[in-house]
Amino acid sequence: MVGVLLIAHMPLASALKSVAMHAFPDRSDQVFSLDVQQDDQAEQVIASAQALMAANSPTDWLVLTDAFGATPCNAALDLRDAARNVRLISGLNVPMLWRALCYGDEPLDAMVELAAEGGHAGIKIADLPTSAAP
């Protein structure tokens, strides 16, 4: 089983875990969240994430973060660099998370591709209908 670790600015990680549990309550042992406080340093986030991962049973991890280049993602990059069993996707959105959990029994590499596809597919520009245009 692949663990899904959400690392995001507070309270996004916890909120997205709640959304995940609404749609996939049977995956509760697979989804973990780590909210990053405004003053947290990357080293603190890394230590918290490593402790969370060590305390749980998944051997492979998909880490989903909110914004590339921000503290949650920078910490996750260090996690990824330190372990071969960690993959990272930034730009976390609900369709990405749901797709990851929908395919939660897939191997890590397949889950990464499917989650990224779900995230991309979930982004839509909702233009005004032609009849509403000036």
N, C-alpha and C. Protein backbone atom coordinates (compact mmCIF):
# COMPACT_ATOMS: atom_id res chain seq x y z
N MET A 1 0.83 -1.17 0.00
CA MET A 1 0.00 0.00 0.00
C MET A 1 0.89 1.25 0.00
N VAL A 2 0.50 2.22 -0.81
CA VAL A 2 1.20 3.50 -0.88
C VAL A 2 0.53 4.47 0.09
N GLY A 3 1.32 5.10 0.94
CA GLY A 3 0.81 6.14 1.81
C GLY A 3 0.76 7.45 1.05
N VAL A 4 -0.26 8.23 1.32
CA VAL A 4 -0.41 9.55 0.72
C VAL A 4 -0.25 10.57 1.83
N LEU A 5 0.80 11.37 1.73
CA LEU A 5 1.09 12.38 2.74
C LEU A 5 0.84 13.76 2.15
N LEU A 6 -0.09 14.48 2.75
CA LEU A 6 -0.42 15.83 2.33
C LEU A 6 0.37 16.80 3.20
N ILE A 7 1.23 17.59 2.57
CA ILE A 7 1.99 18.61 3.29
C ILE A 7 1.62 19.94 2.65
N ALA A 8 0.98 20.81 3.44
CA ALA A 8 0.51 22.08 2.89
C ALA A 8 0.41 23.13 3.98
N HIS A 9 0.27 24.37 3.54
CA HIS A 9 0.09 25.46 4.48
C HIS A 9 -1.18 25.24 5.31
N MET A 10 -1.07 25.54 6.58
CA MET A 10 -2.18 25.36 7.50
C MET A 10 -3.37 26.19 7.08
N PRO A 11 -4.57 25.68 7.07
CA PRO A 11 -5.07 24.36 7.46
C PRO A 11 -5.36 23.46 6.26
N LEU A 12 -4.72 23.74 5.14
CA LEU A 12 -5.07 23.06 3.89
C LEU A 12 -4.87 21.55 3.94
N ALA A 13 -3.77 21.09 4.49
CA ALA A 13 -3.52 19.64 4.52
C ALA A 13 -4.62 18.91 5.28
N SER A 14 -4.96 19.40 6.46
CA SER A 14 -6.03 18.76 7.26
C SER A 14 -7.38 18.87 6.57
N ALA A 15 -7.65 20.00 5.96
CA ALA A 15 -8.92 20.18 5.25
C ALA A 15 -9.03 19.22 4.08
N LEU A 16 -7.95 19.07 3.33
CA LEU A 16 -7.98 18.15 2.19
C LEU A 16 -8.07 16.70 2.64
N LYS A 17 -7.48 16.38 3.77
CA LYS A 17 -7.65 15.03 4.30
C LYS A 17 -9.12 14.79 4.63
N SER A 18 -9.79 15.78 5.20
CA SER A 18 -11.22 15.65 5.49
C SER A 18 -12.03 15.43 4.21
N VAL A 19 -11.67 16.16 3.17
CA VAL A 19 -12.34 15.98 1.87
C VAL A 19 -12.09 14.57 1.34
N ALA A 20 -10.87 14.11 1.49
CA ALA A 20 -10.54 12.75 1.04
C ALA A 20 -11.34 11.71 1.79
N MET A 21 -11.48 11.88 3.09
CA MET A 21 -12.21 10.91 3.90
C MET A 21 -13.71 10.96 3.62
N HIS A 22 -14.20 12.09 3.16
CA HIS A 22 -15.61 12.20 2.76
C HIS A 22 -15.88 11.28 1.56
N ALA A 23 -14.97 11.29 0.60
CA ALA A 23 -15.16 10.50 -0.62
C ALA A 23 -14.61 9.08 -0.52
N PHE A 24 -13.56 8.89 0.27
CA PHE A 24 -12.90 7.59 0.37
C PHE A 24 -12.65 7.21 1.83
N PRO A 25 -13.72 6.99 2.59
CA PRO A 25 -13.53 6.68 4.02
C PRO A 25 -12.76 5.38 4.25
N ASP A 26 -12.77 4.50 3.28
CA ASP A 26 -12.05 3.23 3.43
C ASP A 26 -10.54 3.38 3.26
N ARG A 27 -10.07 4.57 2.91
CA ARG A 27 -8.64 4.81 2.73
C ARG A 27 -8.03 5.57 3.91
N SER A 28 -8.71 5.59 5.04
CA SER A 28 -8.24 6.38 6.18
C SER A 28 -6.86 5.95 6.69
N ASP A 29 -6.51 4.67 6.50
CA ASP A 29 -5.20 4.20 6.94
C ASP A 29 -4.10 4.50 5.94
N GLN A 30 -4.46 5.19 4.85
CA GLN A 30 -3.52 5.47 3.77
C GLN A 30 -3.21 6.96 3.64
N VAL A 31 -4.02 7.83 4.23
CA VAL A 31 -3.89 9.28 4.05
C VAL A 31 -3.46 9.94 5.35
N PHE A 32 -2.45 10.79 5.24
CA PHE A 32 -1.90 11.48 6.40
C PHE A 32 -1.72 12.95 6.03
N SER A 33 -1.84 13.82 7.02
CA SER A 33 -1.71 15.24 6.73
C SER A 33 -0.72 15.90 7.69
N LEU A 34 -0.06 16.91 7.16
CA LEU A 34 0.88 17.69 7.93
C LEU A 34 0.68 19.15 7.55
N ASP A 35 0.07 19.90 8.47
CA ASP A 35 -0.15 21.33 8.26
C ASP A 35 1.11 22.10 8.65
N VAL A 36 1.55 22.97 7.77
CA VAL A 36 2.75 23.77 8.01
C VAL A 36 2.32 25.13 8.54
N GLN A 37 2.81 25.46 9.73
CA GLN A 37 2.53 26.75 10.36
C GLN A 37 3.33 27.85 9.66
N GLN A 38 2.88 29.07 9.82
CA GLN A 38 3.51 30.22 9.17
C GLN A 38 4.99 30.35 9.51
N ASP A 39 5.36 30.05 10.74
CA ASP A 39 6.75 30.23 11.15
C ASP A 39 7.58 28.95 11.16
N ASP A 40 7.03 27.85 10.65
CA ASP A 40 7.78 26.59 10.59
C ASP A 40 8.94 26.70 9.60
N GLN A 41 10.04 26.13 9.99
CA GLN A 41 11.20 26.04 9.10
C GLN A 41 11.17 24.68 8.40
N ALA A 42 11.79 24.61 7.24
CA ALA A 42 11.79 23.36 6.46
C ALA A 42 12.31 22.19 7.29
N GLU A 43 13.33 22.43 8.11
CA GLU A 43 13.90 21.35 8.92
C GLU A 43 12.87 20.77 9.89
N GLN A 44 12.03 21.65 10.47
CA GLN A 44 10.97 21.18 11.37
C GLN A 44 9.95 20.34 10.61
N VAL A 45 9.60 20.78 9.42
CA VAL A 45 8.62 20.07 8.60
C VAL A 45 9.17 18.71 8.20
N ILE A 46 10.43 18.67 7.81
CA ILE A 46 11.07 17.40 7.43
C ILE A 46 11.05 16.43 8.60
N ALA A 47 11.45 16.91 9.78
CA ALA A 47 11.47 16.04 10.96
C ALA A 47 10.08 15.52 11.29
N SER A 48 9.08 16.38 11.22
CA SER A 48 7.70 15.95 11.50
C SER A 48 7.23 14.93 10.48
N ALA A 49 7.53 15.17 9.21
CA ALA A 49 7.12 14.25 8.15
C ALA A 49 7.83 12.90 8.32
N GLN A 50 9.11 12.91 8.61
CA GLN A 50 9.84 11.66 8.79
C GLN A 50 9.29 10.87 9.98
N ALA A 51 8.95 11.54 11.05
CA ALA A 51 8.38 10.86 12.22
C ALA A 51 7.02 10.26 11.87
N LEU A 52 6.20 11.01 11.15
CA LEU A 52 4.89 10.52 10.75
C LEU A 52 5.03 9.29 9.85
N MET A 53 5.94 9.36 8.90
CA MET A 53 6.14 8.24 7.98
C MET A 53 6.68 7.01 8.70
N ALA A 54 7.59 7.21 9.63
CA ALA A 54 8.17 6.09 10.38
C ALA A 54 7.15 5.41 11.28
N ALA A 55 6.17 6.18 11.76
CA ALA A 55 5.18 5.64 12.69
C ALA A 55 4.04 4.91 12.00
N ASN A 56 4.03 4.90 10.67
CA ASN A 56 2.94 4.28 9.93
C ASN A 56 3.46 3.21 8.99
N SER A 57 2.56 2.35 8.53
CA SER A 57 2.97 1.13 7.85
C SER A 57 3.31 1.24 6.36
N PRO A 58 2.85 2.22 5.60
CA PRO A 58 3.22 2.20 4.18
C PRO A 58 4.73 2.21 3.98
N THR A 59 5.17 1.47 2.96
CA THR A 59 6.60 1.47 2.63
C THR A 59 6.91 2.46 1.52
N ASP A 60 5.94 2.73 0.67
CA ASP A 60 6.09 3.72 -0.39
C ASP A 60 5.18 4.91 -0.08
N TRP A 61 5.63 6.11 -0.49
CA TRP A 61 4.90 7.32 -0.16
C TRP A 61 4.75 8.24 -1.36
N LEU A 62 3.54 8.72 -1.56
CA LEU A 62 3.26 9.79 -2.50
C LEU A 62 3.01 11.03 -1.65
N VAL A 63 3.86 12.03 -1.81
CA VAL A 63 3.72 13.27 -1.06
C VAL A 63 3.11 14.31 -2.00
N LEU A 64 2.03 14.92 -1.55
CA LEU A 64 1.34 15.95 -2.33
C LEU A 64 1.46 17.26 -1.57
N THR A 65 1.94 18.30 -2.26
CA THR A 65 2.11 19.61 -1.64
C THR A 65 1.34 20.67 -2.41
N ASP A 66 1.12 21.81 -1.76
CA ASP A 66 0.29 22.83 -2.37
C ASP A 66 1.02 23.70 -3.39
N ALA A 67 2.15 24.26 -3.09
CA ALA A 67 2.79 25.22 -3.99
C ALA A 67 4.28 24.93 -4.13
N PHE A 68 4.72 24.74 -5.36
CA PHE A 68 6.14 24.48 -5.62
C PHE A 68 6.96 25.69 -5.18
N GLY A 69 8.05 25.44 -4.46
CA GLY A 69 8.93 26.51 -4.03
C GLY A 69 8.65 27.03 -2.63
N ALA A 70 7.49 26.69 -2.07
CA ALA A 70 7.15 27.12 -0.72
C ALA A 70 7.69 26.09 0.29
N THR A 71 7.66 26.44 1.56
CA THR A 71 8.24 25.59 2.61
C THR A 71 7.70 24.15 2.58
N PRO A 72 6.38 23.91 2.43
CA PRO A 72 5.93 22.51 2.40
C PRO A 72 6.58 21.71 1.27
N CYS A 73 6.68 22.30 0.11
CA CYS A 73 7.27 21.61 -1.03
C CYS A 73 8.78 21.45 -0.86
N ASN A 74 9.44 22.48 -0.35
CA ASN A 74 10.88 22.38 -0.14
C ASN A 74 11.21 21.26 0.84
N ALA A 75 10.43 21.12 1.88
CA ALA A 75 10.63 20.02 2.82
C ALA A 75 10.39 18.68 2.13
N ALA A 76 9.34 18.62 1.32
CA ALA A 76 9.02 17.38 0.62
C ALA A 76 10.11 17.01 -0.39
N LEU A 77 10.73 18.00 -1.01
CA LEU A 77 11.85 17.73 -1.92
C LEU A 77 12.99 17.06 -1.18
N ASP A 78 13.25 17.51 0.03
CA ASP A 78 14.30 16.87 0.84
C ASP A 78 13.91 15.45 1.21
N LEU A 79 12.63 15.23 1.54
CA LEU A 79 12.16 13.87 1.82
C LEU A 79 12.38 12.98 0.61
N ARG A 80 12.01 13.48 -0.56
CA ARG A 80 12.17 12.73 -1.80
C ARG A 80 13.63 12.42 -2.08
N ASP A 81 14.49 13.40 -1.87
CA ASP A 81 15.91 13.21 -2.14
C ASP A 81 16.56 12.22 -1.19
N ALA A 82 16.00 12.08 0.01
CA ALA A 82 16.60 11.21 1.03
C ALA A 82 16.13 9.76 0.94
N ALA A 83 15.08 9.50 0.18
CA ALA A 83 14.53 8.14 0.15
C ALA A 83 14.05 7.78 -1.25
N ARG A 84 14.32 6.57 -1.66
CA ARG A 84 13.92 6.11 -2.99
C ARG A 84 12.43 5.79 -3.06
N ASN A 85 11.79 5.63 -1.93
CA ASN A 85 10.39 5.22 -1.89
C ASN A 85 9.43 6.40 -1.74
N VAL A 86 9.89 7.61 -2.03
CA VAL A 86 9.08 8.82 -1.91
C VAL A 86 9.02 9.53 -3.25
N ARG A 87 7.80 9.83 -3.69
CA ARG A 87 7.59 10.62 -4.91
C ARG A 87 6.79 11.85 -4.52
N LEU A 88 6.92 12.90 -5.30
CA LEU A 88 6.34 14.20 -4.95
C LEU A 88 5.61 14.79 -6.13
N ILE A 89 4.43 15.33 -5.85
CA ILE A 89 3.69 16.14 -6.83
C ILE A 89 3.27 17.42 -6.10
N SER A 90 3.53 18.56 -6.72
CA SER A 90 3.05 19.83 -6.15
C SER A 90 1.84 20.31 -6.95
N GLY A 91 1.19 21.34 -6.44
CA GLY A 91 -0.02 21.85 -7.09
C GLY A 91 -1.25 21.05 -6.68
N LEU A 92 -1.23 20.56 -5.47
CA LEU A 92 -2.29 19.70 -4.95
C LEU A 92 -3.68 20.32 -5.15
N ASN A 93 -4.58 19.52 -5.69
CA ASN A 93 -5.99 19.91 -5.77
C ASN A 93 -6.85 18.69 -5.47
N VAL A 94 -8.13 18.90 -5.29
CA VAL A 94 -9.03 17.80 -4.91
C VAL A 94 -9.07 16.70 -5.97
N PRO A 95 -9.19 17.02 -7.28
CA PRO A 95 -9.19 15.93 -8.26
C PRO A 95 -7.92 15.09 -8.23
N MET A 96 -6.78 15.72 -7.96
CA MET A 96 -5.52 14.98 -7.85
C MET A 96 -5.57 14.00 -6.69
N LEU A 97 -6.03 14.48 -5.55
CA LEU A 97 -6.10 13.66 -4.35
C LEU A 97 -7.08 12.51 -4.54
N TRP A 98 -8.26 12.82 -5.05
CA TRP A 98 -9.26 11.77 -5.27
C TRP A 98 -8.76 10.72 -6.25
N ARG A 99 -8.08 11.15 -7.31
CA ARG A 99 -7.56 10.19 -8.29
C ARG A 99 -6.51 9.30 -7.64
N ALA A 100 -5.65 9.89 -6.83
CA ALA A 100 -4.63 9.09 -6.13
C ALA A 100 -5.30 8.01 -5.28
N LEU A 101 -6.35 8.39 -4.57
CA LEU A 101 -7.01 7.43 -3.69
C LEU A 101 -7.86 6.43 -4.46
N CYS A 102 -8.40 6.85 -5.58
CA CYS A 102 -9.17 5.94 -6.43
C CYS A 102 -8.28 4.79 -6.90
N TYR A 103 -7.02 5.11 -7.14
CA TYR A 103 -6.05 4.11 -7.59
C TYR A 103 -5.04 3.81 -6.49
N GLY A 104 -5.49 3.82 -5.26
CA GLY A 104 -4.63 3.66 -4.10
C GLY A 104 -3.96 2.31 -3.95
N ASP A 105 -4.40 1.32 -4.71
CA ASP A 105 -3.77 0.00 -4.65
C ASP A 105 -2.74 -0.21 -5.75
N GLU A 106 -2.57 0.79 -6.59
CA GLU A 106 -1.58 0.70 -7.67
C GLU A 106 -0.17 0.88 -7.11
N PRO A 107 0.84 0.43 -7.87
CA PRO A 107 2.23 0.71 -7.45
C PRO A 107 2.50 2.22 -7.46
N LEU A 108 3.50 2.63 -6.74
CA LEU A 108 3.80 4.05 -6.55
C LEU A 108 3.93 4.80 -7.88
N ASP A 109 4.71 4.31 -8.82
CA ASP A 109 4.91 5.05 -10.08
C ASP A 109 3.61 5.22 -10.86
N ALA A 110 2.78 4.20 -10.89
CA ALA A 110 1.49 4.32 -11.57
C ALA A 110 0.59 5.31 -10.85
N MET A 111 0.61 5.27 -9.54
CA MET A 111 -0.22 6.19 -8.75
C MET A 111 0.20 7.64 -9.00
N VAL A 112 1.50 7.89 -9.12
CA VAL A 112 1.99 9.24 -9.39
C VAL A 112 1.43 9.74 -10.71
N GLU A 113 1.53 8.94 -11.74
CA GLU A 113 1.03 9.35 -13.07
C GLU A 113 -0.48 9.58 -13.05
N LEU A 114 -1.21 8.69 -12.43
CA LEU A 114 -2.67 8.82 -12.38
C LEU A 114 -3.10 10.04 -11.57
N ALA A 115 -2.43 10.29 -10.46
CA ALA A 115 -2.76 11.46 -9.64
C ALA A 115 -2.48 12.76 -10.40
N ALA A 116 -1.34 12.82 -11.07
CA ALA A 116 -1.00 14.02 -11.85
C ALA A 116 -2.01 14.25 -12.97
N GLU A 117 -2.39 13.18 -13.65
CA GLU A 117 -3.41 13.29 -14.71
C GLU A 117 -4.73 13.81 -14.13
N GLY A 118 -5.12 13.30 -12.98
CA GLY A 118 -6.35 13.75 -12.33
C GLY A 118 -6.29 15.22 -11.97
N GLY A 119 -5.13 15.67 -11.48
CA GLY A 119 -4.96 17.07 -11.14
C GLY A 119 -5.08 17.97 -12.35
N HIS A 120 -4.44 17.56 -13.44
CA HIS A 120 -4.52 18.35 -14.68
C HIS A 120 -5.95 18.36 -15.22
N ALA A 121 -6.58 17.21 -15.24
CA ALA A 121 -7.94 17.11 -15.79
C ALA A 121 -8.95 17.90 -14.97
N GLY A 122 -8.65 18.12 -13.71
CA GLY A 122 -9.57 18.85 -12.85
C GLY A 122 -9.53 20.36 -13.02
N ILE A 123 -8.58 20.85 -13.79
CA ILE A 123 -8.46 22.29 -14.01
C ILE A 123 -9.23 22.65 -15.28
N LYS A 124 -10.26 23.43 -15.12
CA LYS A 124 -11.11 23.84 -16.24
C LYS A 124 -11.33 25.34 -16.18
N ILE A 125 -11.36 25.97 -17.33
CA ILE A 125 -11.75 27.38 -17.43
C ILE A 125 -13.23 27.39 -17.76
N ALA A 126 -14.01 27.95 -16.87
CA ALA A 126 -15.47 27.98 -17.05
C ALA A 126 -15.84 29.33 -17.65
N ASP A 127 -15.74 29.43 -18.97
CA ASP A 127 -16.09 30.67 -19.68
C ASP A 127 -17.59 30.93 -19.58
N LEU A 128 -17.95 32.18 -19.82
CA LEU A 128 -19.37 32.53 -19.88
C LEU A 128 -20.00 31.88 -21.09
N PRO A 129 -21.24 31.49 -20.99
CA PRO A 129 -21.93 30.95 -22.17
C PRO A 129 -22.00 32.03 -23.25
N THR A 130 -22.02 31.62 -24.50
CA THR A 130 -22.04 32.56 -25.62
C THR A 130 -23.19 33.54 -25.50
N SER A 131 -24.34 33.10 -25.05
CA SER A 131 -25.52 33.97 -24.94
C SER A 131 -25.34 35.04 -23.85
N ALA A 132 -24.42 34.85 -22.92
CA ALA A 132 -24.22 35.82 -21.85
C ALA A 132 -23.15 36.85 -22.20
N ALA A 133 -22.44 36.62 -23.31
CA ALA A 133 -21.39 37.57 -23.70
C ALA A 133 -22.00 38.88 -24.15
N PRO A 134 -21.31 40.02 -23.92
CA PRO A 134 -21.85 41.33 -24.32
C PRO A 134 -21.99 41.49 -25.82
